[in-house]
C-alpha atoms as a PDB file:
ATOM      1  CA  MET A   1    -288.756  37.369 187.711  1.00  0.00           C
ATOM      2  CA  SER A   2    -286.389  35.688 185.300  1.00  0.00           C
ATOM      3  CA  PHE A   3    -286.164  36.112 181.560  1.00  0.00           C
ATOM      4  CA  ARG A   4    -284.088  34.640 178.786  1.00  0.00           C
ATOM      5  CA  LEU A   5    -281.699  36.830 176.810  1.00  0.00           C
ATOM      6  CA  THR A   6    -283.319  36.971 173.439  1.00  0.00           C
ATOM      7  CA  SER A   7    -281.901  38.430 170.271  1.00  0.00           C
ATOM      8  CA  GLU A   8    -284.133  41.463 170.888  1.00  0.00           C
ATOM      9  CA  ILE A   9    -282.120  42.258 173.994  1.00  0.00           C
ATOM     10  CA  LEU A  10    -278.720  41.130 172.721  1.00  0.00           C
ATOM     11  CA  GLN A  11    -278.860  42.978 169.408  1.00  0.00           C
ATOM     12  CA  PRO A  12    -278.913  46.521 170.873  1.00  0.00           C
ATOM     13  CA  MET A  13    -276.138  45.523 173.287  1.00  0.00           C
ATOM     14  CA  LYS A  14    -273.950  44.391 170.393  1.00  0.00           C
ATOM     15  CA  LYS A  15    -274.693  47.617 168.563  1.00  0.00           C
ATOM     16  CA  CYS A  16    -273.667  49.651 171.621  1.00  0.00           C
ATOM     17  CA  ARG A  17    -270.383  47.764 171.832  1.00  0.00           C
ATOM     18  CA  LYS A  18    -269.684  48.395 168.156  1.00  0.00           C
ATOM     19  CA  VAL A  19    -270.355  52.117 168.592  1.00  0.00           C
ATOM     20  CA  ALA A  20    -268.141  52.228 171.671  1.00  0.00           C
ATOM     21  CA  ARG A  21    -265.338  50.517 169.740  1.00  0.00           C
ATOM     22  CA  LYS A  22    -265.709  53.020 166.888  1.00  0.00           C
ATOM     23  CA  LYS A  23    -265.569  55.912 169.365  1.00  0.00           C
ATOM     24  CA  LYS A  24    -262.352  54.513 170.850  1.00  0.00           C
ATOM     25  CA  GLU A  25    -260.841  54.283 167.362  1.00  0.00           C
ATOM     26  CA  LEU A  26    -261.891  57.854 166.590  1.00  0.00           C
ATOM     27  CA  ILE A  27    -260.423  59.136 169.845  1.00  0.00           C
ATOM     28  CA  GLN A  28    -257.167  57.310 169.066  1.00  0.00           C
ATOM     29  CA  ALA A  29    -257.143  58.802 165.571  1.00  0.00           C
ATOM     30  CA  GLU A  30    -257.657  62.283 167.039  1.00  0.00           C
ATOM     31  CA  LYS A  31    -254.777  61.732 169.475  1.00  0.00           C
ATOM     32  CA  ASN A  32    -252.538  60.600 166.607  1.00  0.00           C
ATOM     33  CA  ALA A  33    -253.522  63.654 164.579  1.00  0.00           C
ATOM     34  CA  LEU A  34    -252.719  65.933 167.524  1.00  0.00           C
ATOM     35  CA  LEU A  35    -249.360  64.262 168.054  1.00  0.00           C
ATOM     36  CA  PHE A  36    -248.612  64.662 164.374  1.00  0.00           C
ATOM     37  CA  ALA A  37    -249.655  68.339 164.426  1.00  0.00           C
ATOM     38  CA  ASN A  38    -247.533  68.985 167.523  1.00  0.00           C
ATOM     39  CA  ALA A  39    -244.537  67.281 165.946  1.00  0.00           C
ATOM     40  CA  PHE A  40    -245.006  69.317 162.775  1.00  0.00           C
ATOM     41  CA  THR A  41    -245.287  72.603 164.715  1.00  0.00           C
ATOM     42  CA  TYR A  42    -242.280  71.733 166.835  1.00  0.00           C
ATOM     43  CA  HIS A  43    -240.397  70.770 163.707  1.00  0.00           C
ATOM     44  CA  ASN A  44    -241.113  74.143 162.071  1.00  0.00           C
ATOM     45  CA  ALA A  45    -240.288  76.000 165.284  1.00  0.00           C
ATOM     46  CA  ALA A  46    -236.951  74.212 165.388  1.00  0.00           C
ATOM     47  CA  SER A  47    -236.375  75.652 161.894  1.00  0.00           C
ATOM     48  CA  PHE A  48    -235.535  72.450 160.081  1.00  0.00           C
ATOM     49  CA  SER A  49    -236.339  72.280 156.412  1.00  0.00           C
ATOM     50  CA  SER A  50    -239.854  70.941 155.906  1.00  0.00           C
ATOM     51  CA  SER A  51    -238.663  68.777 153.019  1.00  0.00           C
ATOM     52  CA  SER A  52    -236.541  66.690 155.406  1.00  0.00           C
ATOM     53  CA  PHE A  53    -239.609  66.268 157.590  1.00  0.00           C
ATOM     54  CA  ILE A  54    -241.610  64.993 154.595  1.00  0.00           C
ATOM     55  CA  THR A  55    -238.825  62.505 153.868  1.00  0.00           C
ATOM     56  CA  PHE A  56    -238.937  61.459 157.501  1.00  0.00           C
ATOM     57  CA  ILE A  57    -242.692  60.802 157.169  1.00  0.00           C
ATOM     58  CA  ASP A  58    -242.139  58.767 154.000  1.00  0.00           C
ATOM     59  CA  SER A  59    -239.379  56.732 155.604  1.00  0.00           C
ATOM     60  CA  THR A  60    -241.608  55.842 158.564  1.00  0.00           C
ATOM     61  CA  SER A  61    -244.463  54.985 156.161  1.00  0.00           C
ATOM     62  CA  PHE A  62    -246.872  57.218 158.070  1.00  0.00           C
ATOM     63  CA  ALA A  63    -248.162  59.072 155.009  1.00  0.00           C
END
């Protein structure tokens, strides 16, 4: 039994791909946030002044 791919079938597939892409972006954002949090914690543990860390963030245009 053969059938043609109609927009009814393709539309949900496209939607699934979009959702999957969004999920990937969210996961990446979470990873970045964790890295940032770890760096911040490490930075404080290393007892540097937090103001220099803020300047570092500004200089790397992360904020």
